[in-house]
Amino acid sequence: MPIVTVQQGPRSVELKRELVQRITDAFVDTLQLPAETVQVWIQEVPADSWGVAGKLVADK
């Protein structure tokens, strides 16, 4: 049973639904697994808790 963890900034529910479906489809197509065995966990990180190139994303 694969578990995929995605860490990203906040996104709409619609985009997260599409992402989960596409990730699941990739595992089903590539590894020929039943969709029921694929879990996708989304961890949303707020912009003030994420840094890139020495700066908070919230400051960009």
N, C-alpha and C. Protein backbone atom coordinates (compact mmCIF):
# COMPACT_ATOMS: atom_id res chain seq x y z
N MET A 1 0.84 -1.16 0.00
CA MET A 1 0.00 0.00 0.00
C MET A 1 0.89 1.24 0.00
N PRO A 2 0.98 1.94 -1.10
CA PRO A 2 1.80 3.16 -1.14
C PRO A 2 1.10 4.31 -0.42
N ILE A 3 1.92 5.10 0.26
CA ILE A 3 1.46 6.34 0.87
C ILE A 3 2.32 7.45 0.29
N VAL A 4 1.68 8.41 -0.34
CA VAL A 4 2.36 9.54 -0.96
C VAL A 4 2.09 10.77 -0.10
N THR A 5 3.14 11.47 0.29
CA THR A 5 2.99 12.70 1.06
C THR A 5 3.37 13.89 0.19
N VAL A 6 2.48 14.86 0.11
CA VAL A 6 2.71 16.08 -0.66
C VAL A 6 2.77 17.23 0.33
N GLN A 7 3.86 17.97 0.30
CA GLN A 7 3.98 19.17 1.12
C GLN A 7 3.92 20.36 0.19
N GLN A 8 3.00 21.27 0.49
CA GLN A 8 2.80 22.41 -0.41
C GLN A 8 2.15 23.54 0.36
N GLY A 9 2.09 24.69 -0.29
CA GLY A 9 1.33 25.80 0.25
C GLY A 9 -0.16 25.52 0.07
N PRO A 10 -0.99 26.29 0.75
CA PRO A 10 -2.44 26.08 0.66
C PRO A 10 -2.96 26.16 -0.77
N ARG A 11 -3.87 25.26 -1.10
CA ARG A 11 -4.53 25.22 -2.41
C ARG A 11 -6.01 25.01 -2.21
N SER A 12 -6.79 25.26 -3.23
CA SER A 12 -8.24 25.06 -3.15
C SER A 12 -8.57 23.57 -3.07
N VAL A 13 -9.75 23.26 -2.57
CA VAL A 13 -10.20 21.87 -2.48
C VAL A 13 -10.26 21.27 -3.88
N GLU A 14 -10.68 22.04 -4.87
CA GLU A 14 -10.78 21.52 -6.24
C GLU A 14 -9.41 21.08 -6.76
N LEU A 15 -8.39 21.89 -6.52
CA LEU A 15 -7.04 21.53 -6.98
C LEU A 15 -6.52 20.31 -6.24
N LYS A 16 -6.82 20.21 -4.94
CA LYS A 16 -6.36 19.05 -4.17
C LYS A 16 -7.07 17.78 -4.64
N ARG A 17 -8.34 17.87 -4.98
CA ARG A 17 -9.05 16.70 -5.52
C ARG A 17 -8.39 16.21 -6.80
N GLU A 18 -8.08 17.16 -7.69
CA GLU A 18 -7.44 16.78 -8.96
C GLU A 18 -6.06 16.18 -8.72
N LEU A 19 -5.30 16.77 -7.82
CA LEU A 19 -3.97 16.25 -7.51
C LEU A 19 -4.04 14.83 -6.98
N VAL A 20 -4.94 14.59 -6.02
CA VAL A 20 -5.09 13.26 -5.45
C VAL A 20 -5.48 12.25 -6.53
N GLN A 21 -6.40 12.63 -7.41
CA GLN A 21 -6.82 11.71 -8.47
C GLN A 21 -5.68 11.39 -9.42
N ARG A 22 -4.92 12.41 -9.80
CA ARG A 22 -3.82 12.19 -10.75
C ARG A 22 -2.69 11.36 -10.14
N ILE A 23 -2.39 11.60 -8.87
CA ILE A 23 -1.36 10.79 -8.21
C ILE A 23 -1.82 9.34 -8.11
N THR A 24 -3.07 9.15 -7.71
CA THR A 24 -3.62 7.79 -7.62
C THR A 24 -3.57 7.11 -8.98
N ASP A 25 -4.00 7.81 -10.02
CA ASP A 25 -3.98 7.24 -11.38
C ASP A 25 -2.58 6.83 -11.79
N ALA A 26 -1.58 7.63 -11.43
CA ALA A 26 -0.20 7.31 -11.80
C ALA A 26 0.25 6.00 -11.16
N PHE A 27 -0.11 5.79 -9.90
CA PHE A 27 0.25 4.53 -9.24
C PHE A 27 -0.52 3.35 -9.82
N VAL A 28 -1.80 3.56 -10.11
CA VAL A 28 -2.61 2.50 -10.69
C VAL A 28 -2.05 2.11 -12.06
N ASP A 29 -1.75 3.10 -12.88
CA ASP A 29 -1.24 2.84 -14.24
C ASP A 29 0.16 2.24 -14.24
N THR A 30 1.03 2.79 -13.41
CA THR A 30 2.44 2.38 -13.43
C THR A 30 2.68 1.06 -12.70
N LEU A 31 2.10 0.94 -11.51
CA LEU A 31 2.35 -0.25 -10.69
C LEU A 31 1.23 -1.27 -10.73
N GLN A 32 0.17 -0.93 -11.46
CA GLN A 32 -0.99 -1.81 -11.61
C GLN A 32 -1.55 -2.23 -10.25
N LEU A 33 -1.75 -1.22 -9.40
CA LEU A 33 -2.31 -1.43 -8.07
C LEU A 33 -3.78 -1.04 -8.08
N PRO A 34 -4.58 -1.62 -7.22
CA PRO A 34 -5.95 -1.14 -7.08
C PRO A 34 -5.94 0.27 -6.46
N ALA A 35 -6.80 1.14 -6.95
CA ALA A 35 -6.85 2.51 -6.46
C ALA A 35 -7.08 2.56 -4.95
N GLU A 36 -7.81 1.59 -4.42
CA GLU A 36 -8.12 1.57 -2.99
C GLU A 36 -6.88 1.44 -2.12
N THR A 37 -5.77 1.01 -2.69
CA THR A 37 -4.56 0.82 -1.89
C THR A 37 -3.66 2.05 -1.86
N VAL A 38 -3.98 3.05 -2.66
CA VAL A 38 -3.13 4.25 -2.76
C VAL A 38 -3.67 5.32 -1.81
N GLN A 39 -2.80 5.79 -0.91
CA GLN A 39 -3.16 6.88 -0.01
C GLN A 39 -2.32 8.10 -0.35
N VAL A 40 -2.95 9.26 -0.36
CA VAL A 40 -2.26 10.53 -0.61
C VAL A 40 -2.53 11.44 0.58
N TRP A 41 -1.47 11.88 1.22
CA TRP A 41 -1.58 12.79 2.36
C TRP A 41 -1.07 14.15 1.92
N ILE A 42 -1.85 15.17 2.12
CA ILE A 42 -1.45 16.54 1.76
C ILE A 42 -1.20 17.31 3.05
N GLN A 43 0.01 17.82 3.16
CA GLN A 43 0.38 18.67 4.29
C GLN A 43 0.53 20.08 3.76
N GLU A 44 -0.34 20.97 4.19
CA GLU A 44 -0.26 22.35 3.73
C GLU A 44 0.55 23.18 4.73
N VAL A 45 1.51 23.89 4.18
CA VAL A 45 2.40 24.70 5.00
C VAL A 45 2.08 26.17 4.71
N PRO A 46 1.71 26.94 5.73
CA PRO A 46 1.42 28.35 5.50
C PRO A 46 2.67 29.12 5.06
N ALA A 47 2.45 30.17 4.31
CA ALA A 47 3.55 30.95 3.74
C ALA A 47 4.48 31.52 4.81
N ASP A 48 3.97 31.75 6.03
CA ASP A 48 4.83 32.29 7.09
C ASP A 48 5.60 31.19 7.84
N SER A 49 5.45 29.95 7.38
CA SER A 49 6.18 28.83 7.99
C SER A 49 7.04 28.11 6.96
N TRP A 50 7.41 28.79 5.88
CA TRP A 50 8.12 28.18 4.78
C TRP A 50 9.11 29.19 4.23
N GLY A 51 10.35 28.79 4.09
CA GLY A 51 11.37 29.70 3.58
C GLY A 51 12.03 29.19 2.31
N VAL A 52 12.39 30.12 1.45
CA VAL A 52 13.12 29.82 0.22
C VAL A 52 14.20 30.88 0.05
N ALA A 53 15.41 30.44 -0.20
CA ALA A 53 16.54 31.34 -0.44
C ALA A 53 16.73 32.34 0.70
N GLY A 54 16.55 31.86 1.93
CA GLY A 54 16.79 32.70 3.09
C GLY A 54 15.67 33.65 3.47
N LYS A 55 14.52 33.55 2.80
CA LYS A 55 13.40 34.45 3.09
C LYS A 55 12.11 33.66 3.23
N LEU A 56 11.22 34.14 4.07
CA LEU A 56 9.91 33.53 4.17
C LEU A 56 9.13 33.76 2.88
N VAL A 57 8.41 32.76 2.48
CA VAL A 57 7.57 32.89 1.28
C VAL A 57 6.56 34.03 1.49
N ALA A 58 6.10 34.22 2.72
CA ALA A 58 5.14 35.29 3.02
C ALA A 58 5.72 36.67 2.73
N ASP A 59 7.04 36.80 2.74
CA ASP A 59 7.68 38.10 2.52
C ASP A 59 7.96 38.38 1.06
N LYS A 60 7.66 37.46 0.20
CA LYS A 60 7.96 37.66 -1.23
C LYS A 60 6.82 38.35 -1.93
